[in-house]
Amino acid sequence: MKKGKLKSMTVAEASDFFDEYDIFEFDDVKEVTDMKFDLSRKKYIGVDIDLYKKIRSKAKKLHILEDDLIKEWLEEKVG
């Protein structure tokens, strides 16, 4: 496996990979000693499923996440 491949795996790919391999088989693996998270509070709201499907479709066409599209629209409306 190429060096750096582990960094670009999805969670599902990593899960499959580590079903086959042991992390200790790699010489350059280091223990994580410092992790930082930028957590912010969020409020989730309900959206009618038909409206959500339209939003999801529009977001796919724009190649962005639904959440990002909704945030963009709300920021335009409320500033």
C-alpha atoms as a PDB file:
ATOM      1  CA  MET A   1       0.000   0.000   0.000  1.00  0.00           C
ATOM      2  CA  LYS A   2       1.277   3.463  -0.889  1.00  0.00           C
ATOM      3  CA  LYS A   3       2.422   5.760   1.884  1.00  0.00           C
ATOM      4  CA  GLY A   4      -0.278   8.333   2.661  1.00  0.00           C
ATOM      5  CA  LYS A   5      -3.100   6.064   1.504  1.00  0.00           C
ATOM      6  CA  LEU A   6      -4.413   5.713   5.050  1.00  0.00           C
ATOM      7  CA  LYS A   7      -5.021   9.458   5.229  1.00  0.00           C
ATOM      8  CA  SER A   8      -7.298   9.463   2.200  1.00  0.00           C
ATOM      9  CA  MET A   9      -9.529   6.519   3.138  1.00  0.00           C
ATOM     10  CA  THR A  10     -13.172   6.814   3.998  1.00  0.00           C
ATOM     11  CA  VAL A  11     -14.305   5.310   7.288  1.00  0.00           C
ATOM     12  CA  ALA A  12     -15.762   2.322   5.439  1.00  0.00           C
ATOM     13  CA  GLU A  13     -12.541   1.777   3.471  1.00  0.00           C
ATOM     14  CA  ALA A  14     -10.448   2.025   6.636  1.00  0.00           C
ATOM     15  CA  SER A  15     -12.715  -0.463   8.373  1.00  0.00           C
ATOM     16  CA  ASP A  16     -12.319  -2.941   5.507  1.00  0.00           C
ATOM     17  CA  PHE A  17      -8.567  -2.337   5.395  1.00  0.00           C
ATOM     18  CA  PHE A  18      -8.064  -2.987   9.101  1.00  0.00           C
ATOM     19  CA  ASP A  19     -10.168  -6.130   8.893  1.00  0.00           C
ATOM     20  CA  GLU A  20      -7.291  -7.461   6.761  1.00  0.00           C
ATOM     21  CA  TYR A  21      -4.230  -5.735   8.244  1.00  0.00           C
ATOM     22  CA  ASP A  22      -2.917  -4.953  11.701  1.00  0.00           C
ATOM     23  CA  ILE A  23      -1.931  -1.341  12.420  1.00  0.00           C
ATOM     24  CA  PHE A  24       1.308  -2.609  13.990  1.00  0.00           C
ATOM     25  CA  GLU A  25       2.467  -4.025  10.644  1.00  0.00           C
ATOM     26  CA  PHE A  26       3.443  -0.487   9.609  1.00  0.00           C
ATOM     27  CA  ASP A  27       6.767   0.953  10.782  1.00  0.00           C
ATOM     28  CA  ASP A  28       5.833   4.614  10.448  1.00  0.00           C
ATOM     29  CA  VAL A  29       2.649   4.551  12.572  1.00  0.00           C
ATOM     30  CA  LYS A  30       2.771   6.981  15.470  1.00  0.00           C
ATOM     31  CA  GLU A  31       0.462   7.379  18.404  1.00  0.00           C
ATOM     32  CA  VAL A  32      -1.734  10.460  18.266  1.00  0.00           C
ATOM     33  CA  THR A  33      -0.851  12.627  21.247  1.00  0.00           C
ATOM     34  CA  ASP A  34      -2.699  15.849  20.532  1.00  0.00           C
ATOM     35  CA  MET A  35      -6.064  16.275  18.870  1.00  0.00           C
ATOM     36  CA  LYS A  36      -8.056  19.459  18.527  1.00  0.00           C
ATOM     37  CA  PHE A  37     -11.684  19.815  17.596  1.00  0.00           C
ATOM     38  CA  ASP A  38     -13.531  22.919  16.530  1.00  0.00           C
ATOM     39  CA  LEU A  39     -16.995  22.115  17.802  1.00  0.00           C
ATOM     40  CA  SER A  40     -19.801  24.577  17.471  1.00  0.00           C
ATOM     41  CA  ARG A  41     -23.357  24.373  18.653  1.00  0.00           C
ATOM     42  CA  LYS A  42     -25.941  23.657  16.008  1.00  0.00           C
ATOM     43  CA  LYS A  43     -29.694  23.622  15.878  1.00  0.00           C
ATOM     44  CA  TYR A  44     -31.372  21.106  13.627  1.00  0.00           C
ATOM     45  CA  ILE A  45     -34.755  21.867  12.144  1.00  0.00           C
ATOM     46  CA  GLY A  46     -37.304  19.674  10.461  1.00  0.00           C
ATOM     47  CA  VAL A  47     -37.854  20.022   6.735  1.00  0.00           C
ATOM     48  CA  ASP A  48     -40.650  18.438   4.730  1.00  0.00           C
ATOM     49  CA  ILE A  49     -39.278  15.427   2.832  1.00  0.00           C
ATOM     50  CA  ASP A  50     -40.400  16.749  -0.562  1.00  0.00           C
ATOM     51  CA  LEU A  51     -38.637  20.056   0.076  1.00  0.00           C
ATOM     52  CA  TYR A  52     -35.543  18.198   1.244  1.00  0.00           C
ATOM     53  CA  LYS A  53     -35.472  16.145  -1.963  1.00  0.00           C
ATOM     54  CA  LYS A  54     -35.498  19.367  -3.997  1.00  0.00           C
ATOM     55  CA  ILE A  55     -32.683  20.808  -1.875  1.00  0.00           C
ATOM     56  CA  ARG A  56     -30.662  17.600  -2.197  1.00  0.00           C
ATOM     57  CA  SER A  57     -31.131  17.590  -5.967  1.00  0.00           C
ATOM     58  CA  LYS A  58     -30.043  21.227  -6.262  1.00  0.00           C
ATOM     59  CA  ALA A  59     -27.015  20.602  -4.039  1.00  0.00           C
ATOM     60  CA  LYS A  60     -25.940  17.624  -6.163  1.00  0.00           C
ATOM     61  CA  LYS A  61     -26.131  19.764  -9.296  1.00  0.00           C
ATOM     62  CA  LEU A  62     -23.943  22.374  -7.593  1.00  0.00           C
ATOM     63  CA  HIS A  63     -21.576  19.689  -6.218  1.00  0.00           C
ATOM     64  CA  ILE A  64     -21.947  20.865  -2.606  1.00  0.00           C
ATOM     65  CA  LEU A  65     -23.401  19.398   0.577  1.00  0.00           C
ATOM     66  CA  GLU A  66     -27.068  20.004   1.368  1.00  0.00           C
ATOM     67  CA  ASP A  67     -26.118  21.600   4.702  1.00  0.00           C
ATOM     68  CA  ASP A  68     -23.800  24.066   2.973  1.00  0.00           C
ATOM     69  CA  LEU A  69     -26.449  25.027   0.431  1.00  0.00           C
ATOM     70  CA  ILE A  70     -29.069  25.571   3.124  1.00  0.00           C
ATOM     71  CA  LYS A  71     -26.628  27.669   5.205  1.00  0.00           C
ATOM     72  CA  GLU A  72     -25.785  29.758   2.142  1.00  0.00           C
ATOM     73  CA  TRP A  73     -29.453  30.405   1.387  1.00  0.00           C
ATOM     74  CA  LEU A  74     -30.269  31.277   4.993  1.00  0.00           C
ATOM     75  CA  GLU A  75     -27.319  33.654   5.239  1.00  0.00           C
ATOM     76  CA  GLU A  76     -28.518  35.422   2.078  1.00  0.00           C
ATOM     77  CA  LYS A  77     -31.999  35.834   3.566  1.00  0.00           C
ATOM     78  CA  VAL A  78     -31.213  36.823   7.148  1.00  0.00           C
ATOM     79  CA  GLY A  79     -27.708  38.199   6.797  1.00  0.00           C
END
